Amino acid sequence: MPSRLPQRVGLVLLATLALIACSGSGKRVEDTGGPSSGPVVVLGPAVKVRPEDAVEGARSAVLVAARNEFESFQIAIRATDAPLRNVTVSLAQPLTGPGGGALPASNVTVYREDYYPVTTPSSPEGAPGRWPDALIPSVDPLFGEARSAFPLEVPAGENRVAWIDVLVPESARPGVYRGTLEVRGDGLAESVPVELTVLAFALPSTASLKTAFTISSDTCTPLDIDGCSSDPTLPARVRQLFVRTALDNRLSLGRPHALPVNDGIGVEQFREHFLPFVRGTAATRLPGAALSTYQVNLITERNLTGFKAEAEADGFVDRAFVWSCDEPDLGENWPHCEDVLRADSEAWPQVPKLVTAPINTVTAGALPLIDIMVVNVTLLDGAVETREYAGNQRPKYDEFLGNGARPKELWLFSACGSHGCAENADASTAGMAGGYQIDAPPSQTRAMAWLAFGYEASGLLYYETALRLSSAWDDQLAAGGNGDGTLFYPGTVARIGGTRAIPLESLRLKYLRDGLEDYEYLKYLRDHGQAADAQRIARELFPATYDTSRSDAQIAAARLELARRVADLTGGPEP
């Protein structure tokens, strides 16, 4: 499979796929005249549309989803010679399916994509200018408040884009659902037909692929909420919103607690505000969703005694882990790391100890003390130019995973090496997964879960998600990457309206979610006797960590193959 297609070609392929897709009833979607170039076009989720882009897409949205899955698409609105004013995007007719049952209107979330100003590109695949990333909901999923996403103005010669999330309820009957979205403005009235085929299987609410995306930065002050420094419970209540928002996108935030869990208020806050996310009893959009992991410490903060008692009392030792050492290979700190691992093992023998390092650097004394080894995705499978890590390194981890009296795990992490850790024009970073840059192809973010499946890793780790939250609208440049360490935006009342501030999702958070949902399809096939085919599909789409730049059409084709194979196993409906 070629590494990438030109954006225009990819969009045309997407439109063609959408227009010829078959519904579960065996009837073809009505041909609406082929690809459209405006003023309203439908695009898939794995393409970033910048304001000046001339885009082509379909005239209707054709979706396939499991029960308890989100499926998304985009609507681009283009103004030609004159501005379009007072533009709104809304659900006009609910998605109605077998037996006349309709999906709840609240399960369709309409967002306006807002822009981040890139000054210094993250890599050769980026460029200066405005890039879509922040998502402002028409009605937010946290409090159900109307926000200022619409109406909007589309300047002449530009486009604006709406992102549409459709959440299929667990109880939805398999079959074909149809509904309509409406795009209206001064002199503009367009209907967007939506067809959704619901498959006869459901995704688990808690992601099967473990994730631990740390959130250690201040999340209260950037939201401009009064009392962040004077009310000790307020930071915990605010962090709850971030944990829930991430979990609604199938992502577990590591170390979500606001205060050390030793005694007093720290324990009380943990039990009231964060334990429900461990137990799966919080008010999440996915019923019963629970954190797949719990990072109990920062590298500089052991705090094991308090968490040992809590985890044992509440039964989540199996999901807790201690991040013992961070990249000891870079500073030749293995002797110190060995000391830390021994101390952590003595303090809490049962809990897994995590170290981020490639296996060829691990010392003999440290190796038996490590339970979770996390390798930088750039060092797992390198192109020839990477010398020491050229070729697939995955077989080197087999002995580690197979030895020991307790289970061992291999996770992947991404860092600035995916885009270059400083201002760069290094062409070798093109196509590398991870990094989560705003100005990178969506496929490089979505690929992480696919790569975990392909390389047989069981988790994804990331060092921070709110690093530049306070300046997220204007400055997220860190370690050479736009958005490195920041996956949220501060949804202040002044910025988005309503009465309560909220964390805003980014497109990159959605790409991660979509990859985690793709993983469930791959796992389902593997668990039902089709492991070889699942591996083939994953490897054909993303053959290596450094070869992940793909068009929306390529991703859509791979995902459709997965859906059809699942439908064959479950008895339809055929997408």
Protein backbone atom coordinates (compact mmCIF):
# COMPACT_ATOMS: atom_id res chain seq x y z
CA MET A 1 0.00 0.00 0.00
CA PRO A 2 1.46 3.41 -0.89
CA SER A 3 2.53 5.63 1.96
CA ARG A 4 0.13 8.44 1.21
CA LEU A 5 -2.26 9.91 -1.33
CA PRO A 6 -2.69 13.59 -2.21
CA GLN A 7 -5.42 15.13 -0.08
CA ARG A 8 -7.70 15.83 -3.03
CA VAL A 9 -7.42 12.26 -4.31
CA GLY A 10 -8.09 10.88 -0.83
CA LEU A 11 -11.24 12.96 -0.47
CA VAL A 12 -12.55 11.89 -3.86
CA LEU A 13 -11.94 8.24 -2.94
CA LEU A 14 -13.78 8.79 0.32
CA ALA A 15 -16.71 10.32 -1.51
CA THR A 16 -16.78 7.40 -3.92
CA LEU A 17 -16.67 4.86 -1.07
CA ALA A 18 -19.47 6.68 0.71
CA LEU A 19 -21.69 6.86 -2.35
CA ILE A 20 -21.36 3.20 -3.35
CA ALA A 21 -21.52 1.71 0.15
CA CYS A 22 -24.31 -0.81 0.60
CA SER A 23 -26.83 -0.59 3.39
CA GLY A 24 -27.68 -3.48 5.66
CA SER A 25 -30.93 -3.97 3.77
CA GLY A 26 -29.04 -4.72 0.56
CA LYS A 27 -30.14 -1.51 -1.14
CA ARG A 28 -27.61 0.93 -2.48
CA VAL A 29 -27.44 4.44 -1.14
CA GLU A 30 -29.14 6.74 -3.60
CA ASP A 31 -26.63 8.23 -6.03
CA THR A 32 -26.78 11.96 -5.39
CA GLY A 33 -24.72 12.96 -8.39
CA GLY A 34 -21.20 12.00 -7.33
CA PRO A 35 -18.67 13.98 -5.34
CA SER A 36 -19.63 17.51 -4.40
CA SER A 37 -17.41 20.58 -4.11
CA GLY A 38 -19.76 22.84 -2.20
CA PRO A 39 -21.11 24.85 -0.62
CA VAL A 40 -21.77 21.91 1.76
CA VAL A 41 -19.81 18.66 1.56
CA VAL A 42 -19.41 15.62 3.79
CA LEU A 43 -15.97 14.33 4.74
CA GLY A 44 -14.72 11.45 6.82
CA PRO A 45 -13.11 11.94 10.23
CA ALA A 46 -9.46 11.28 9.29
CA VAL A 47 -8.72 14.46 7.36
CA LYS A 48 -7.87 17.94 8.61
CA VAL A 49 -9.55 20.73 6.67
CA ARG A 50 -7.84 24.10 6.93
CA PRO A 51 -9.78 27.33 6.27
CA GLU A 52 -8.31 27.95 2.81
CA ASP A 53 -8.53 24.35 1.56
CA ALA A 54 -10.66 23.65 -1.48
CA VAL A 55 -12.31 20.35 -0.64
CA GLU A 56 -14.45 17.79 -2.37
CA GLY A 57 -16.57 15.28 -0.56
CA ALA A 58 -19.85 13.41 -0.56
CA ARG A 59 -23.35 14.83 -0.30
CA SER A 60 -24.42 12.40 2.39
CA ALA A 61 -22.84 10.61 5.35
CA VAL A 62 -22.69 6.81 5.24
CA LEU A 63 -21.60 5.34 8.58
CA VAL A 64 -20.98 1.91 10.07
CA ALA A 65 -20.74 1.40 13.82
CA ALA A 66 -21.09 -1.16 16.55
CA ARG A 67 -23.42 -0.68 19.46
CA ASN A 68 -21.82 1.44 22.18
CA GLU A 69 -19.50 3.05 19.62
CA PHE A 70 -18.96 6.61 18.47
CA GLU A 71 -18.81 7.21 14.74
CA SER A 72 -17.97 10.60 13.28
CA PHE A 73 -17.92 12.64 10.12
CA GLN A 74 -17.33 16.25 9.12
CA ILE A 75 -19.41 18.82 7.27
CA ALA A 76 -17.46 21.52 5.45
CA ILE A 77 -19.27 24.75 4.54
CA ARG A 78 -17.59 26.81 1.80
CA ALA A 79 -18.16 30.49 1.00
CA THR A 80 -17.10 31.55 -2.50
CA ASP A 81 -17.47 35.16 -3.58
CA ALA A 82 -19.34 36.46 -0.54
CA PRO A 83 -19.43 35.56 3.16
CA LEU A 84 -22.00 33.17 4.54
CA ARG A 85 -23.60 34.55 7.70
CA ASN A 86 -25.60 33.08 10.57
CA VAL A 87 -24.64 29.53 9.65
CA THR A 88 -25.92 26.74 11.90
CA VAL A 89 -25.58 22.96 11.78
CA SER A 90 -28.18 20.89 13.62
CA LEU A 91 -30.01 17.59 13.68
CA ALA A 92 -33.19 17.95 11.66
CA GLN A 93 -34.54 14.39 11.68
CA PRO A 94 -33.44 11.79 14.27
CA LEU A 95 -31.72 8.65 13.08
CA THR A 96 -34.58 6.17 12.84
CA GLY A 97 -34.11 2.46 12.21
CA PRO A 98 -35.66 -0.98 12.59
CA GLY A 99 -39.17 -0.95 13.98
CA GLY A 100 -39.24 2.83 13.95
CA GLY A 101 -36.83 3.12 16.86
CA ALA A 102 -34.79 6.31 16.89
CA LEU A 103 -31.43 7.10 18.43
CA PRO A 104 -31.77 9.79 21.12
CA ALA A 105 -31.12 13.25 19.75
CA SER A 106 -28.65 13.80 22.60
CA ASN A 107 -26.49 11.02 21.15
CA VAL A 108 -25.68 13.24 18.18
CA THR A 109 -23.20 15.94 19.20
CA VAL A 110 -22.43 18.76 16.79
CA TYR A 111 -19.16 20.66 17.25
CA ARG A 112 -17.61 23.63 15.51
CA GLU A 113 -13.94 23.13 14.73
CA ASP A 114 -11.83 26.03 15.94
CA TYR A 115 -8.30 26.84 14.84
CA TYR A 116 -4.84 26.92 16.33
CA PRO A 117 -2.30 29.34 14.79
CA VAL A 118 0.85 27.41 13.85
CA THR A 119 3.86 29.69 13.64
CA THR A 120 6.64 27.10 13.71
CA PRO A 121 5.70 23.85 11.97
CA SER A 122 6.26 20.70 14.00
CA SER A 123 7.87 18.86 11.10
CA PRO A 124 8.08 18.92 7.30
CA GLU A 125 4.50 17.62 7.21
CA GLY A 126 3.27 20.76 8.99
CA ALA A 127 2.98 24.32 7.75
CA PRO A 128 2.40 27.80 9.18
CA GLY A 129 -1.17 29.06 9.45
CA ARG A 130 -4.46 27.99 10.98
CA TRP A 131 -5.05 24.32 11.74
CA PRO A 132 -8.31 22.80 13.07
CA ASP A 133 -8.07 21.24 16.52
CA ALA A 134 -10.34 22.59 19.28
CA LEU A 135 -13.93 21.35 19.29
CA ILE A 136 -16.65 23.67 20.59
CA PRO A 137 -19.94 21.81 21.11
CA SER A 138 -23.30 23.22 20.19
CA VAL A 139 -24.57 21.61 23.41
CA ASP A 140 -21.87 20.28 25.70
CA PRO A 141 -22.02 16.62 26.80
CA LEU A 142 -20.95 17.40 30.39
CA PHE A 143 -23.70 19.76 31.58
CA GLY A 144 -26.06 19.87 28.59
CA GLU A 145 -25.55 23.63 28.23
CA ALA A 146 -25.88 25.45 24.93
CA ARG A 147 -22.52 26.92 23.88
CA SER A 148 -21.45 29.47 21.30
CA ALA A 149 -20.47 27.07 18.51
CA PHE A 150 -23.19 28.48 16.25
CA PRO A 151 -24.20 30.61 14.47
CA LEU A 152 -20.94 31.35 12.68
CA GLU A 153 -19.73 33.36 9.71
CA VAL A 154 -17.79 31.84 6.85
CA PRO A 155 -15.57 34.51 5.21
CA ALA A 156 -15.46 34.69 1.44
CA GLY A 157 -12.94 32.27 -0.01
CA GLU A 158 -12.81 30.15 3.15
CA ASN A 159 -14.59 27.22 4.74
CA ARG A 160 -15.68 26.29 8.23
CA VAL A 161 -16.17 22.75 9.45
CA ALA A 162 -18.55 20.97 11.82
CA TRP A 163 -17.54 17.71 13.49
CA ILE A 164 -20.43 15.32 14.14
CA ASP A 165 -20.28 12.56 16.77
CA VAL A 166 -22.92 9.83 16.71
CA LEU A 167 -23.03 7.56 19.77
CA VAL A 168 -24.89 4.31 19.14
CA PRO A 169 -26.65 3.13 22.32
CA GLU A 170 -25.89 -0.34 23.68
CA SER A 171 -29.57 -1.16 23.27
CA ALA A 172 -29.84 -0.16 19.59
CA ARG A 173 -31.23 -2.86 17.33
CA PRO A 174 -28.88 -3.88 14.51
CA GLY A 175 -29.88 -2.55 11.13
CA VAL A 176 -29.97 0.61 9.08
CA TYR A 177 -30.86 3.99 10.57
CA ARG A 178 -31.53 7.12 8.56
CA GLY A 179 -31.79 10.76 9.55
CA THR A 180 -30.90 14.26 8.40
CA LEU A 181 -28.73 17.13 9.49
CA GLU A 182 -29.49 20.63 8.34
CA VAL A 183 -27.08 23.43 7.40
CA ARG A 184 -28.76 26.83 7.39
CA GLY A 185 -27.65 30.41 7.02
CA ASP A 186 -28.57 33.63 5.25
CA GLY A 187 -29.35 32.41 1.75
CA LEU A 188 -28.28 28.86 2.61
CA ALA A 189 -30.43 25.79 3.27
CA GLU A 190 -28.89 22.36 2.74
CA SER A 191 -29.92 18.95 4.04
CA VAL A 192 -27.31 16.27 4.73
CA PRO A 193 -28.73 12.74 4.70
CA VAL A 194 -27.14 10.35 7.19
CA GLU A 195 -27.27 6.58 6.92
CA LEU A 196 -25.93 4.46 9.77
CA THR A 197 -25.58 0.68 9.72
CA VAL A 198 -25.50 -0.66 13.28
CA LEU A 199 -23.67 -3.96 13.61
CA ALA A 200 -24.79 -6.85 15.77
CA PHE A 201 -22.01 -6.56 18.34
CA ALA A 202 -21.16 -4.05 21.02
CA LEU A 203 -17.89 -2.43 22.06
CA PRO A 204 -16.92 -2.61 25.73
CA SER A 205 -17.24 0.68 27.58
CA THR A 206 -13.76 0.27 29.04
CA ALA A 207 -11.14 0.13 26.31
CA SER A 208 -9.43 -3.25 25.90
CA LEU A 209 -6.14 -1.54 25.05
CA LYS A 210 -4.81 -0.03 28.27
CA THR A 211 -3.98 3.67 28.31
CA ALA A 212 -2.24 5.92 30.80
CA PHE A 213 -2.10 9.54 29.66
CA THR A 214 -0.79 11.55 32.59
CA ILE A 215 -2.49 14.75 33.72
CA SER A 216 -0.32 16.46 36.32
CA SER A 217 -0.63 20.14 35.41
CA ASP A 218 -3.02 22.68 36.92
CA THR A 219 -6.42 22.28 35.26
CA CYS A 220 -8.43 24.69 37.42
CA THR A 221 -6.77 28.09 36.97
CA PRO A 222 -6.72 28.00 33.12
CA LEU A 223 -10.53 27.66 33.14
CA ASP A 224 -10.85 31.07 34.85
CA ILE A 225 -12.85 29.65 37.74
CA ASP A 226 -13.00 31.69 40.94
CA GLY A 227 -11.70 29.94 44.04
CA CYS A 228 -9.09 27.60 42.52
CA SER A 229 -6.52 28.58 45.13
CA SER A 230 -8.86 29.16 48.10
CA ASP A 231 -11.26 26.21 47.86
CA PRO A 232 -9.31 22.93 48.26
CA THR A 233 -12.12 20.85 46.76
CA LEU A 234 -12.51 22.91 43.59
CA PRO A 235 -9.38 21.61 41.77
CA ALA A 236 -10.61 18.06 42.37
CA ARG A 237 -14.06 18.84 40.96
CA VAL A 238 -12.49 20.44 37.89
CA ARG A 239 -10.12 17.53 37.31
CA GLN A 240 -13.15 15.24 37.42
CA LEU A 241 -14.37 16.94 34.25
CA PHE A 242 -11.10 16.19 32.48
CA VAL A 243 -11.13 12.55 33.62
CA ARG A 244 -14.70 12.13 32.46
CA THR A 245 -14.09 13.85 29.12
CA ALA A 246 -11.11 11.60 28.45
CA LEU A 247 -13.01 8.49 29.51
CA ASP A 248 -15.88 9.49 27.24
CA ASN A 249 -13.25 9.18 24.52
CA ARG A 250 -12.09 5.79 25.89
CA LEU A 251 -8.86 7.25 27.27
CA SER A 252 -7.66 6.76 30.86
CA LEU A 253 -5.92 9.73 32.44
CA GLY A 254 -3.04 8.64 34.62
CA ARG A 255 -2.67 10.11 38.10
CA PRO A 256 -5.92 12.11 38.01
CA HIS A 257 -6.05 12.84 41.75
CA ALA A 258 -5.44 16.42 42.82
CA LEU A 259 -3.76 15.80 46.19
CA PRO A 260 -1.48 13.02 47.50
CA VAL A 261 -3.45 10.08 48.81
CA ASN A 262 -2.03 9.58 52.28
CA ASP A 263 -4.62 10.71 54.79
CA GLY A 264 -7.13 13.45 55.47
CA ILE A 265 -8.42 15.54 52.60
CA GLY A 266 -6.38 13.73 49.95
CA VAL A 267 -8.07 10.42 50.73
CA GLU A 268 -11.49 12.06 50.96
CA GLN A 269 -11.03 13.74 47.58
CA PHE A 270 -9.87 10.54 45.95
CA ARG A 271 -12.81 8.54 47.27
CA GLU A 272 -15.41 11.17 46.35
CA HIS A 273 -14.13 12.44 43.03
CA PHE A 274 -11.92 9.76 41.45
CA LEU A 275 -12.81 6.36 42.89
CA PRO A 276 -16.09 6.32 40.86
CA PHE A 277 -13.99 6.37 37.68
CA VAL A 278 -12.04 3.38 38.98
CA ARG A 279 -15.22 1.51 39.85
CA GLY A 280 -17.07 2.43 36.67
CA THR A 281 -19.87 4.19 38.53
CA ALA A 282 -19.26 7.75 37.33
CA ALA A 283 -21.73 9.50 35.03
CA THR A 284 -19.90 8.70 31.80
CA ARG A 285 -21.47 8.61 28.34
CA LEU A 286 -20.32 5.01 27.89
CA PRO A 287 -22.21 3.01 30.55
CA GLY A 288 -19.93 1.61 33.21
CA ALA A 289 -16.73 2.95 31.66
CA ALA A 290 -13.81 2.61 34.06
CA LEU A 291 -10.17 3.63 34.07
CA SER A 292 -8.13 0.83 32.52
CA THR A 293 -5.06 1.81 34.56
CA TYR A 294 -4.22 3.99 37.53
CA GLN A 295 -0.83 5.67 37.72
CA VAL A 296 -0.29 6.22 41.43
CA ASN A 297 2.72 8.52 41.33
CA LEU A 298 4.86 10.98 39.47
CA ILE A 299 8.51 10.15 38.90
CA THR A 300 9.47 12.59 41.64
CA GLU A 301 6.66 11.52 43.99
CA ARG A 302 6.54 8.00 45.39
CA ASN A 303 3.40 8.25 47.59
CA LEU A 304 3.01 4.48 47.65
CA THR A 305 1.83 3.87 51.20
CA GLY A 306 -1.47 5.71 50.90
CA PHE A 307 -2.31 4.24 47.53
CA LYS A 308 -1.40 0.73 48.62
CA ALA A 309 -4.04 0.89 51.33
CA GLU A 310 -6.64 2.42 49.01
CA ALA A 311 -6.02 0.04 46.12
CA GLU A 312 -6.15 -3.01 48.35
CA ALA A 313 -9.29 -1.79 50.10
CA ASP A 314 -11.08 -0.91 46.87
CA GLY A 315 -9.82 -3.79 44.75
CA PHE A 316 -7.91 -2.07 41.99
CA VAL A 317 -4.38 -3.31 42.59
CA ASP A 318 -4.62 -5.01 39.19
CA ARG A 319 -5.01 -1.63 37.48
CA ALA A 320 -2.59 0.40 39.59
CA PHE A 321 1.05 0.81 38.57
CA VAL A 322 4.10 2.66 39.80
CA TRP A 323 6.07 4.66 37.25
CA SER A 324 9.44 3.83 38.72
CA CYS A 325 11.93 5.16 36.14
CA ASP A 326 11.65 7.39 33.10
CA GLU A 327 14.14 6.77 30.28
CA PRO A 328 17.12 5.82 32.47
CA ASP A 329 18.99 4.91 29.29
CA LEU A 330 19.27 8.56 28.24
CA GLY A 331 21.19 9.72 31.31
CA GLU A 332 22.98 6.46 32.08
CA ASN A 333 20.89 6.28 35.25
CA TRP A 334 20.36 2.53 35.42
CA PRO A 335 22.13 2.15 38.80
CA HIS A 336 19.77 4.72 40.31
CA CYS A 337 16.82 3.07 38.57
CA GLU A 338 17.71 -0.29 40.09
CA ASP A 339 17.68 1.30 43.54
CA VAL A 340 14.27 2.85 42.89
CA LEU A 341 12.83 -0.43 41.58
CA ARG A 342 14.01 -2.29 44.68
CA ALA A 343 12.58 0.38 46.98
CA ASP A 344 9.24 0.35 45.15
CA SER A 345 9.14 -3.44 45.27
CA GLU A 346 9.71 -3.42 49.01
CA ALA A 347 7.10 -0.70 49.59
CA TRP A 348 4.43 -2.39 47.45
CA PRO A 349 5.37 -5.83 46.15
CA GLN A 350 2.11 -6.60 44.32
CA VAL A 351 1.81 -3.50 42.14
CA PRO A 352 3.48 -3.53 38.70
CA LYS A 353 6.60 -1.35 38.25
CA LEU A 354 6.82 0.55 34.97
CA VAL A 355 9.98 1.73 33.22
CA THR A 356 10.27 3.58 29.92
CA ALA A 357 13.28 2.22 28.04
CA PRO A 358 14.24 0.05 25.06
CA ILE A 359 15.12 -3.46 26.12
CA ASN A 360 18.65 -3.50 24.74
CA THR A 361 19.66 -0.86 27.31
CA VAL A 362 18.20 -2.54 30.41
CA THR A 363 20.74 -3.78 32.95
CA ALA A 364 20.69 -7.33 34.25
CA GLY A 365 19.89 -6.11 37.75
CA ALA A 366 16.88 -4.06 36.66
CA LEU A 367 15.28 -6.47 34.21
CA PRO A 368 13.67 -8.90 36.71
CA LEU A 369 12.27 -5.98 38.71
CA ILE A 370 10.38 -4.47 35.75
CA ASP A 371 6.78 -5.54 35.14
CA ILE A 372 5.75 -3.08 32.42
CA MET A 373 8.34 -2.09 29.85
CA VAL A 374 7.35 0.88 27.71
CA VAL A 375 9.27 1.46 24.50
CA ASN A 376 9.35 4.67 22.49
CA VAL A 377 7.46 4.01 19.27
CA THR A 378 10.39 5.46 17.29
CA LEU A 379 12.68 2.77 18.73
CA LEU A 380 10.42 -0.21 18.13
CA ASP A 381 10.81 -0.45 14.38
CA GLY A 382 13.14 1.93 12.62
CA ALA A 383 13.97 2.69 9.04
CA VAL A 384 17.50 1.85 7.91
CA GLU A 385 18.67 5.37 8.72
CA THR A 386 18.06 4.80 12.44
CA ARG A 387 21.00 2.35 12.54
CA GLU A 388 20.85 0.82 16.03
CA TYR A 389 17.07 0.43 15.90
CA ALA A 390 16.76 -0.40 12.21
CA GLY A 391 14.20 -3.09 11.51
CA ASN A 392 11.53 -4.63 13.70
CA GLN A 393 12.78 -4.75 17.31
CA ARG A 394 9.64 -6.45 18.65
CA PRO A 395 11.07 -10.01 18.81
CA LYS A 396 13.68 -8.80 21.32
CA TYR A 397 10.92 -8.38 23.91
CA ASP A 398 9.59 -11.94 23.69
CA GLU A 399 11.93 -13.36 26.33
CA PHE A 400 11.06 -10.55 28.76
CA LEU A 401 7.34 -11.14 28.24
CA GLY A 402 7.63 -14.88 28.67
CA ASN A 403 9.81 -14.99 31.77
CA GLY A 404 9.08 -14.36 35.41
CA ALA A 405 6.67 -15.55 38.05
CA ARG A 406 4.32 -12.62 37.41
CA PRO A 407 2.82 -11.25 34.18
CA LYS A 408 4.95 -8.91 32.11
CA GLU A 409 3.63 -6.30 29.70
CA LEU A 410 4.91 -4.28 26.75
CA TRP A 411 3.46 -0.83 26.15
CA LEU A 412 4.23 1.87 23.60
CA PHE A 413 4.86 5.54 24.29
CA SER A 414 5.28 8.48 21.98
CA ALA A 415 7.42 11.55 22.51
CA CYS A 416 8.99 14.42 20.66
CA GLY A 417 11.17 12.09 18.61
CA SER A 418 8.09 11.42 16.47
CA HIS A 419 8.31 14.93 15.04
CA GLY A 420 11.80 16.06 16.01
CA CYS A 421 12.44 17.53 19.43
CA ALA A 422 13.39 20.99 18.19
CA GLU A 423 12.60 23.20 15.23
CA ASN A 424 13.45 20.90 12.38
CA ALA A 425 13.18 20.11 8.72
CA ASP A 426 14.19 16.47 9.15
CA ALA A 427 12.39 14.54 6.45
CA SER A 428 13.00 11.26 8.31
CA THR A 429 10.20 12.14 10.77
CA ALA A 430 7.59 12.14 7.98
CA GLY A 431 5.16 9.31 8.52
CA MET A 432 6.21 8.56 12.11
CA ALA A 433 3.39 7.66 14.49
CA GLY A 434 2.82 9.47 17.78
CA GLY A 435 3.80 12.95 18.80
CA TYR A 436 0.15 14.02 18.46
CA GLN A 437 1.01 17.26 16.65
CA ILE A 438 -1.78 19.62 15.65
CA ASP A 439 -0.17 20.07 12.23
CA ALA A 440 0.27 16.38 11.40
CA PRO A 441 -1.90 13.93 9.47
CA PRO A 442 -4.72 12.49 11.62
CA SER A 443 -3.63 8.98 10.70
CA GLN A 444 -0.41 9.32 12.71
CA THR A 445 -2.45 9.69 15.89
CA ARG A 446 -5.07 7.08 15.03
CA ALA A 447 -2.31 4.63 14.10
CA MET A 448 -1.06 4.21 17.67
CA ALA A 449 -3.76 1.70 18.63
CA TRP A 450 -3.36 -0.16 15.34
CA LEU A 451 0.38 -0.39 15.93
CA ALA A 452 -0.20 -1.70 19.45
CA PHE A 453 -2.25 -4.50 17.91
CA GLY A 454 0.24 -5.15 15.12
CA TYR A 455 3.24 -5.27 17.45
CA GLU A 456 1.31 -7.11 20.18
CA ALA A 457 1.63 -4.40 22.83
CA SER A 458 -1.01 -4.11 25.54
CA GLY A 459 -0.94 -0.41 26.45
CA LEU A 460 -0.21 3.19 25.43
CA LEU A 461 1.52 5.74 27.65
CA TYR A 462 1.83 9.51 27.30
CA TYR A 463 3.61 11.89 29.62
CA GLU A 464 1.12 14.78 29.85
CA THR A 465 -2.21 16.03 28.49
CA ALA A 466 -2.51 19.56 29.92
CA LEU A 467 1.05 20.87 29.65
CA ARG A 468 0.14 24.15 27.91
CA LEU A 469 -3.51 24.30 28.89
CA SER A 470 -3.27 27.91 30.09
CA SER A 471 -2.01 29.08 26.66
CA ALA A 472 -3.60 26.36 24.52
CA TRP A 473 -5.47 28.73 22.21
CA ASP A 474 -2.32 30.54 21.13
CA ASP A 475 0.82 28.65 22.19
CA GLN A 476 1.12 24.89 22.49
CA LEU A 477 4.62 24.63 21.05
CA ALA A 478 6.64 22.30 23.29
CA ALA A 479 9.71 20.19 22.50
CA GLY A 480 9.44 21.26 18.88
CA GLY A 481 5.83 20.10 18.43
CA ASN A 482 2.56 22.01 18.31
CA GLY A 483 0.36 20.30 20.88
CA ASP A 484 3.08 18.15 22.41
CA GLY A 485 1.76 17.34 25.90
CA THR A 486 -1.57 19.17 25.45
CA LEU A 487 -4.77 17.44 24.31
CA PHE A 488 -7.38 19.77 25.83
CA TYR A 489 -8.42 23.43 25.52
CA PRO A 490 -9.77 25.64 28.31
CA GLY A 491 -13.45 26.14 27.60
CA THR A 492 -13.91 29.29 29.65
CA VAL A 493 -17.33 30.90 29.86
CA ALA A 494 -15.92 33.98 28.17
CA ARG A 495 -14.75 31.87 25.25
CA ILE A 496 -17.61 29.44 24.65
CA GLY A 497 -20.59 30.85 26.54
CA GLY A 498 -22.81 28.99 28.98
CA THR A 499 -22.54 29.33 32.75
CA ARG A 500 -19.84 26.78 33.64
CA ALA A 501 -16.33 26.33 32.29
CA ILE A 502 -15.44 22.95 30.80
CA PRO A 503 -12.47 21.19 29.21
CA LEU A 504 -12.78 21.17 25.43
CA GLU A 505 -11.86 18.13 23.40
CA SER A 506 -9.35 18.34 20.59
CA LEU A 507 -9.51 16.60 17.24
CA ARG A 508 -6.46 14.63 18.38
CA LEU A 509 -8.45 13.23 21.29
CA LYS A 510 -11.06 12.05 18.77
CA TYR A 511 -8.38 10.43 16.59
CA LEU A 512 -7.09 8.55 19.64
CA ARG A 513 -10.64 7.44 20.45
CA ASP A 514 -11.24 6.25 16.90
CA GLY A 515 -8.05 4.20 17.02
CA LEU A 516 -9.07 2.62 20.32
CA GLU A 517 -12.42 1.69 18.78
CA ASP A 518 -10.68 0.24 15.71
CA TYR A 519 -8.63 -1.87 18.12
CA GLU A 520 -11.84 -3.46 19.44
CA TYR A 521 -12.69 -4.67 15.93
CA LEU A 522 -9.22 -6.14 15.49
CA LYS A 523 -9.42 -7.80 18.91
CA TYR A 524 -12.88 -9.19 18.20
CA LEU A 525 -11.58 -10.87 15.05
CA ARG A 526 -8.53 -12.18 16.90
CA ASP A 527 -10.70 -13.57 19.71
CA HIS A 528 -12.98 -15.29 17.22
CA GLY A 529 -10.45 -17.26 15.22
CA GLN A 530 -9.36 -14.64 12.70
CA ALA A 531 -6.10 -13.45 14.24
CA ALA A 532 -4.15 -13.83 10.99
CA ASP A 533 -6.64 -11.75 9.02
CA ALA A 534 -6.75 -9.09 11.74
CA GLN A 535 -2.95 -8.87 11.70
CA ARG A 536 -2.93 -8.66 7.91
CA ILE A 537 -5.43 -5.80 7.85
CA ALA A 538 -3.52 -3.92 10.55
CA ARG A 539 -0.16 -4.43 8.85
CA GLU A 540 -1.43 -3.50 5.39
CA LEU A 541 -2.75 -0.21 6.69
CA PHE A 542 0.16 0.63 9.02
CA PRO A 543 3.12 -1.65 8.16
CA ALA A 544 5.62 0.09 10.44
CA THR A 545 5.83 2.78 13.10
CA TYR A 546 7.49 5.13 10.60
CA ASP A 547 4.94 4.54 7.82
CA THR A 548 1.62 5.87 9.12
CA SER A 549 0.65 8.79 6.86
CA ARG A 550 -2.60 7.61 5.33
CA SER A 551 -5.59 9.22 3.66
CA ASP A 552 -9.08 9.12 5.08
CA ALA A 553 -10.11 6.86 2.20
CA GLN A 554 -7.43 4.30 3.04
CA ILE A 555 -8.49 4.19 6.69
CA ALA A 556 -12.16 3.98 5.71
CA ALA A 557 -11.45 1.03 3.41
CA ALA A 558 -9.55 -0.89 6.12
CA ARG A 559 -12.23 -0.19 8.69
CA LEU A 560 -14.96 -1.30 6.28
CA GLU A 561 -13.14 -4.60 5.77
CA LEU A 562 -13.02 -5.08 9.55
CA ALA A 563 -16.74 -4.30 9.84
CA ARG A 564 -17.67 -6.75 7.10
CA ARG A 565 -15.65 -9.53 8.70
CA VAL A 566 -17.31 -8.86 12.04
CA ALA A 567 -20.71 -8.86 10.34
CA ASP A 568 -19.91 -12.27 8.83
CA LEU A 569 -19.20 -13.61 12.31
CA THR A 570 -22.28 -12.08 13.95
CA GLY A 571 -24.76 -12.78 11.17
CA GLY A 572 -25.02 -9.26 9.72
CA PRO A 573 -26.19 -6.74 8.90
CA GLU A 574 -23.78 -6.39 6.01
CA PRO A 575 -22.28 -2.88 5.82
